[in-house]
Amino acid sequence: MTQIFFYHGAADRIAAAAGLIAKAWAQKKPLVVYAPDPAVAGALDRALWTRNPLDFVPHVNLDSPLAAETGVLIADRLDALPPDTADGARHDRLMNLSGEVPPAFSRFSSVIEVVSEDAEVRQPARERFKFYKDRGYEIQTLDLTGKA
């Protein structure tokens, strides 16, 4: 069953997401980032490009010709993911940066939700938390208060 991770209390949701993505990349864990809002996807792309050059995270949009070879995908939809990265690692982790439960989320081994202190982000996140909990998913909460 899919594990759900709620990282909450982030002062800056995009910066926190970029930090978590960098950590996953450093551990060689491929990741799909679901960001159907072009403004959110663009902000995340910029945040990943402007990180410390020693911590560079290779990433592309889902429609890129390099998507099958890249470990971090920023996706505006989840219906056309490449099956594997070039090294054979599956994209089985999903970071949700949308305001809704991602479609077909249960096909992933884990879902990562990043929640800021902003009420516009927090309230829909509470509804997603309840959705997952009501369906019996294991949920882990991690506090980012005072972190990026």
C-alpha atoms as a PDB file:
ATOM      1  CA  MET A   1       0.000   0.000   0.000  1.00  0.00           C
ATOM      2  CA  THR A   2       1.179   3.509  -0.774  1.00  0.00           C
ATOM      3  CA  GLN A   3       2.841   5.348   2.102  1.00  0.00           C
ATOM      4  CA  ILE A   4       1.950   9.001   2.546  1.00  0.00           C
ATOM      5  CA  PHE A   5       4.413  11.569   3.907  1.00  0.00           C
ATOM      6  CA  PHE A   6       3.148  15.006   4.956  1.00  0.00           C
ATOM      7  CA  TYR A   7       5.899  17.573   5.378  1.00  0.00           C
ATOM      8  CA  HIS A   8       4.098  20.476   7.056  1.00  0.00           C
ATOM      9  CA  GLY A   9       4.924  23.907   8.399  1.00  0.00           C
ATOM     10  CA  ALA A  10       7.229  24.958   5.554  1.00  0.00           C
ATOM     11  CA  ALA A  11       7.824  28.691   5.464  1.00  0.00           C
ATOM     12  CA  ASP A  12       8.364  28.439   1.692  1.00  0.00           C
ATOM     13  CA  ARG A  13       6.673  25.456   0.041  1.00  0.00           C
ATOM     14  CA  ILE A  14       8.714  25.601  -3.182  1.00  0.00           C
ATOM     15  CA  ALA A  15      12.053  25.930  -1.355  1.00  0.00           C
ATOM     16  CA  ALA A  16      11.100  23.051   0.948  1.00  0.00           C
ATOM     17  CA  ALA A  17      10.059  20.912  -2.031  1.00  0.00           C
ATOM     18  CA  ALA A  18      13.346  21.710  -3.810  1.00  0.00           C
ATOM     19  CA  GLY A  19      15.275  20.675  -0.698  1.00  0.00           C
ATOM     20  CA  LEU A  20      13.394  17.387  -0.413  1.00  0.00           C
ATOM     21  CA  ILE A  21      13.898  16.714  -4.128  1.00  0.00           C
ATOM     22  CA  ALA A  22      17.641  17.362  -3.759  1.00  0.00           C
ATOM     23  CA  LYS A  23      17.762  14.954  -0.831  1.00  0.00           C
ATOM     24  CA  ALA A  24      15.962  12.252  -2.849  1.00  0.00           C
ATOM     25  CA  TRP A  25      18.288  12.835  -5.808  1.00  0.00           C
ATOM     26  CA  ALA A  26      21.359  12.556  -3.550  1.00  0.00           C
ATOM     27  CA  GLN A  27      20.007   9.173  -2.422  1.00  0.00           C
ATOM     28  CA  LYS A  28      19.494   8.130  -6.088  1.00  0.00           C
ATOM     29  CA  LYS A  29      15.729   7.947  -5.639  1.00  0.00           C
ATOM     30  CA  PRO A  30      13.823   8.908  -8.824  1.00  0.00           C
ATOM     31  CA  LEU A  31      10.865  11.166  -8.221  1.00  0.00           C
ATOM     32  CA  VAL A  32       7.876  12.497 -10.105  1.00  0.00           C
ATOM     33  CA  VAL A  33       6.679  15.933  -9.023  1.00  0.00           C
ATOM     34  CA  TYR A  34       3.014  16.485  -9.840  1.00  0.00           C
ATOM     35  CA  ALA A  35       2.569  20.215 -10.454  1.00  0.00           C
ATOM     36  CA  PRO A  36      -0.349  20.840 -12.825  1.00  0.00           C
ATOM     37  CA  ASP A  37      -0.274  24.600 -12.129  1.00  0.00           C
ATOM     38  CA  PRO A  38       2.257  26.133 -14.575  1.00  0.00           C
ATOM     39  CA  ALA A  39       3.190  28.839 -12.043  1.00  0.00           C
ATOM     40  CA  VAL A  40       4.085  26.219  -9.409  1.00  0.00           C
ATOM     41  CA  ALA A  41       5.972  24.075 -11.940  1.00  0.00           C
ATOM     42  CA  GLY A  42       7.894  27.126 -13.157  1.00  0.00           C
ATOM     43  CA  ALA A  43       8.757  28.257  -9.637  1.00  0.00           C
ATOM     44  CA  LEU A  44      10.012  24.774  -8.771  1.00  0.00           C
ATOM     45  CA  ASP A  45      12.073  24.598 -11.971  1.00  0.00           C
ATOM     46  CA  ARG A  46      13.684  27.957 -11.116  1.00  0.00           C
ATOM     47  CA  ALA A  47      14.317  26.868  -7.511  1.00  0.00           C
ATOM     48  CA  LEU A  48      16.046  23.696  -8.682  1.00  0.00           C
ATOM     49  CA  TRP A  49      18.187  25.636 -11.192  1.00  0.00           C
ATOM     50  CA  THR A  50      19.247  28.253  -8.649  1.00  0.00           C
ATOM     51  CA  ARG A  51      20.293  25.881  -5.867  1.00  0.00           C
ATOM     52  CA  ASN A  52      23.953  25.577  -4.953  1.00  0.00           C
ATOM     53  CA  PRO A  53      25.757  24.322  -8.108  1.00  0.00           C
ATOM     54  CA  LEU A  54      27.301  21.486  -6.067  1.00  0.00           C
ATOM     55  CA  ASP A  55      23.772  20.295  -5.266  1.00  0.00           C
ATOM     56  CA  PHE A  56      22.457  20.446  -8.838  1.00  0.00           C
ATOM     57  CA  VAL A  57      19.410  18.242  -9.417  1.00  0.00           C
ATOM     58  CA  PRO A  58      18.921  17.105 -13.035  1.00  0.00           C
ATOM     59  CA  HIS A  59      15.241  17.552 -13.816  1.00  0.00           C
ATOM     60  CA  VAL A  60      13.002  17.973 -16.834  1.00  0.00           C
ATOM     61  CA  ASN A  61       9.360  18.434 -17.655  1.00  0.00           C
ATOM     62  CA  LEU A  62       7.391  15.330 -18.531  1.00  0.00           C
ATOM     63  CA  ASP A  63       7.236  16.291 -22.228  1.00  0.00           C
ATOM     64  CA  SER A  64      11.021  16.562 -22.561  1.00  0.00           C
ATOM     65  CA  PRO A  65      12.759  14.104 -24.892  1.00  0.00           C
ATOM     66  CA  LEU A  66      15.061  13.405 -21.924  1.00  0.00           C
ATOM     67  CA  ALA A  67      12.237  12.371 -19.579  1.00  0.00           C
ATOM     68  CA  ALA A  68      13.033   8.653 -19.810  1.00  0.00           C
ATOM     69  CA  GLU A  69      16.653   9.369 -18.867  1.00  0.00           C
ATOM     70  CA  THR A  70      16.082  11.813 -16.031  1.00  0.00           C
ATOM     71  CA  GLY A  71      15.465  10.892 -12.414  1.00  0.00           C
ATOM     72  CA  VAL A  72      13.349  13.923 -11.484  1.00  0.00           C
ATOM     73  CA  LEU A  73      10.323  14.722 -13.618  1.00  0.00           C
ATOM     74  CA  ILE A  74       8.043  17.732 -13.211  1.00  0.00           C
ATOM     75  CA  ALA A  75       4.674  16.588 -14.527  1.00  0.00           C
ATOM     76  CA  ASP A  76       1.468  18.462 -15.230  1.00  0.00           C
ATOM     77  CA  ARG A  77      -0.305  15.113 -15.671  1.00  0.00           C
ATOM     78  CA  LEU A  78       0.342  11.541 -14.567  1.00  0.00           C
ATOM     79  CA  ASP A  79      -1.085   9.565 -17.469  1.00  0.00           C
ATOM     80  CA  ALA A  80       2.050   9.362 -19.638  1.00  0.00           C
ATOM     81  CA  LEU A  81       5.044   8.723 -17.387  1.00  0.00           C
ATOM     82  CA  PRO A  82       8.030   6.890 -18.815  1.00  0.00           C
ATOM     83  CA  PRO A  83       8.224   3.412 -17.249  1.00  0.00           C
ATOM     84  CA  ASP A  84      11.860   3.597 -16.142  1.00  0.00           C
ATOM     85  CA  THR A  85      14.837   5.887 -16.000  1.00  0.00           C
ATOM     86  CA  ALA A  86      17.886   5.020 -18.091  1.00  0.00           C
ATOM     87  CA  ASP A  87      19.478   3.164 -15.166  1.00  0.00           C
ATOM     88  CA  GLY A  88      16.348   1.044 -14.656  1.00  0.00           C
ATOM     89  CA  ALA A  89      15.122   2.798 -11.511  1.00  0.00           C
ATOM     90  CA  ARG A  90      11.367   3.187 -11.483  1.00  0.00           C
ATOM     91  CA  HIS A  91       9.579   6.449 -10.871  1.00  0.00           C
ATOM     92  CA  ASP A  92       7.736   5.098  -7.873  1.00  0.00           C
ATOM     93  CA  ARG A  93       7.778   8.186  -5.648  1.00  0.00           C
ATOM     94  CA  LEU A  94       5.384  11.050  -6.195  1.00  0.00           C
ATOM     95  CA  MET A  95       5.602  14.548  -4.761  1.00  0.00           C
ATOM     96  CA  ASN A  96       2.257  16.304  -4.936  1.00  0.00           C
ATOM     97  CA  LEU A  97       2.377  20.068  -5.400  1.00  0.00           C
ATOM     98  CA  SER A  98      -1.231  20.314  -6.526  1.00  0.00           C
ATOM     99  CA  GLY A  99      -4.154  21.274  -4.329  1.00  0.00           C
ATOM    100  CA  GLU A 100      -5.928  17.950  -4.855  1.00  0.00           C
ATOM    101  CA  VAL A 101      -5.393  14.239  -4.386  1.00  0.00           C
ATOM    102  CA  PRO A 102      -3.291  13.252  -7.397  1.00  0.00           C
ATOM    103  CA  PRO A 103      -4.923  10.927  -9.934  1.00  0.00           C
ATOM    104  CA  ALA A 104      -3.857   7.281  -9.655  1.00  0.00           C
ATOM    105  CA  PHE A 105      -1.612   8.092  -6.686  1.00  0.00           C
ATOM    106  CA  SER A 106      -1.916   4.531  -5.382  1.00  0.00           C
ATOM    107  CA  ARG A 107       0.312   3.236  -8.193  1.00  0.00           C
ATOM    108  CA  PHE A 108       3.268   4.913  -6.446  1.00  0.00           C
ATOM    109  CA  SER A 109       5.045   3.377  -3.453  1.00  0.00           C
ATOM    110  CA  SER A 110       4.998   6.737  -1.693  1.00  0.00           C
ATOM    111  CA  VAL A 111       3.361  10.135  -1.974  1.00  0.00           C
ATOM    112  CA  ILE A 112       5.065  13.205  -0.535  1.00  0.00           C
ATOM    113  CA  GLU A 113       2.906  16.188   0.329  1.00  0.00           C
ATOM    114  CA  VAL A 114       4.629  19.507   1.094  1.00  0.00           C
ATOM    115  CA  VAL A 115       2.473  21.920   3.055  1.00  0.00           C
ATOM    116  CA  SER A 116       3.343  25.526   3.823  1.00  0.00           C
ATOM    117  CA  GLU A 117       1.968  27.735   6.562  1.00  0.00           C
ATOM    118  CA  ASP A 118      -0.179  29.529   3.955  1.00  0.00           C
ATOM    119  CA  ALA A 119      -3.890  28.960   4.657  1.00  0.00           C
ATOM    120  CA  GLU A 120      -4.581  28.523   0.914  1.00  0.00           C
ATOM    121  CA  VAL A 121      -2.238  25.521   0.910  1.00  0.00           C
ATOM    122  CA  ARG A 122      -2.957  24.231   4.416  1.00  0.00           C
ATOM    123  CA  GLN A 123      -6.745  23.802   4.130  1.00  0.00           C
ATOM    124  CA  PRO A 124      -6.719  21.637   0.963  1.00  0.00           C
ATOM    125  CA  ALA A 125      -3.842  19.657   2.523  1.00  0.00           C
ATOM    126  CA  ARG A 126      -6.011  18.909   5.554  1.00  0.00           C
ATOM    127  CA  GLU A 127      -8.689  17.599   3.206  1.00  0.00           C
ATOM    128  CA  ARG A 128      -6.136  15.377   1.435  1.00  0.00           C
ATOM    129  CA  PHE A 129      -4.853  14.133   4.795  1.00  0.00           C
ATOM    130  CA  LYS A 130      -8.403  13.164   5.771  1.00  0.00           C
ATOM    131  CA  PHE A 131      -8.944  11.506   2.368  1.00  0.00           C
ATOM    132  CA  TYR A 132      -5.854   9.316   2.772  1.00  0.00           C
ATOM    133  CA  LYS A 133      -6.580   8.550   6.424  1.00  0.00           C
ATOM    134  CA  ASP A 134     -10.223   7.606   5.772  1.00  0.00           C
ATOM    135  CA  ARG A 135      -9.017   5.079   3.182  1.00  0.00           C
ATOM    136  CA  GLY A 136      -6.544   3.444   5.539  1.00  0.00           C
ATOM    137  CA  TYR A 137      -3.266   4.749   4.116  1.00  0.00           C
ATOM    138  CA  GLU A 138      -0.281   4.885   6.450  1.00  0.00           C
ATOM    139  CA  ILE A 139       0.561   8.561   6.994  1.00  0.00           C
ATOM    140  CA  GLN A 140       3.757   9.968   8.443  1.00  0.00           C
ATOM    141  CA  THR A 141       3.937  13.624   9.385  1.00  0.00           C
ATOM    142  CA  LEU A 142       7.198  15.561   9.470  1.00  0.00           C
ATOM    143  CA  ASP A 143       7.469  19.101  10.789  1.00  0.00           C
ATOM    144  CA  LEU A 144       9.411  21.605   8.684  1.00  0.00           C
ATOM    145  CA  THR A 145       8.741  24.553  10.997  1.00  0.00           C
ATOM    146  CA  GLY A 146      11.843  26.715  11.086  1.00  0.00           C
ATOM    147  CA  LYS A 147      13.371  25.005   8.033  1.00  0.00           C
ATOM    148  CA  ALA A 148      13.462  26.101   4.363  1.00  0.00           C
END
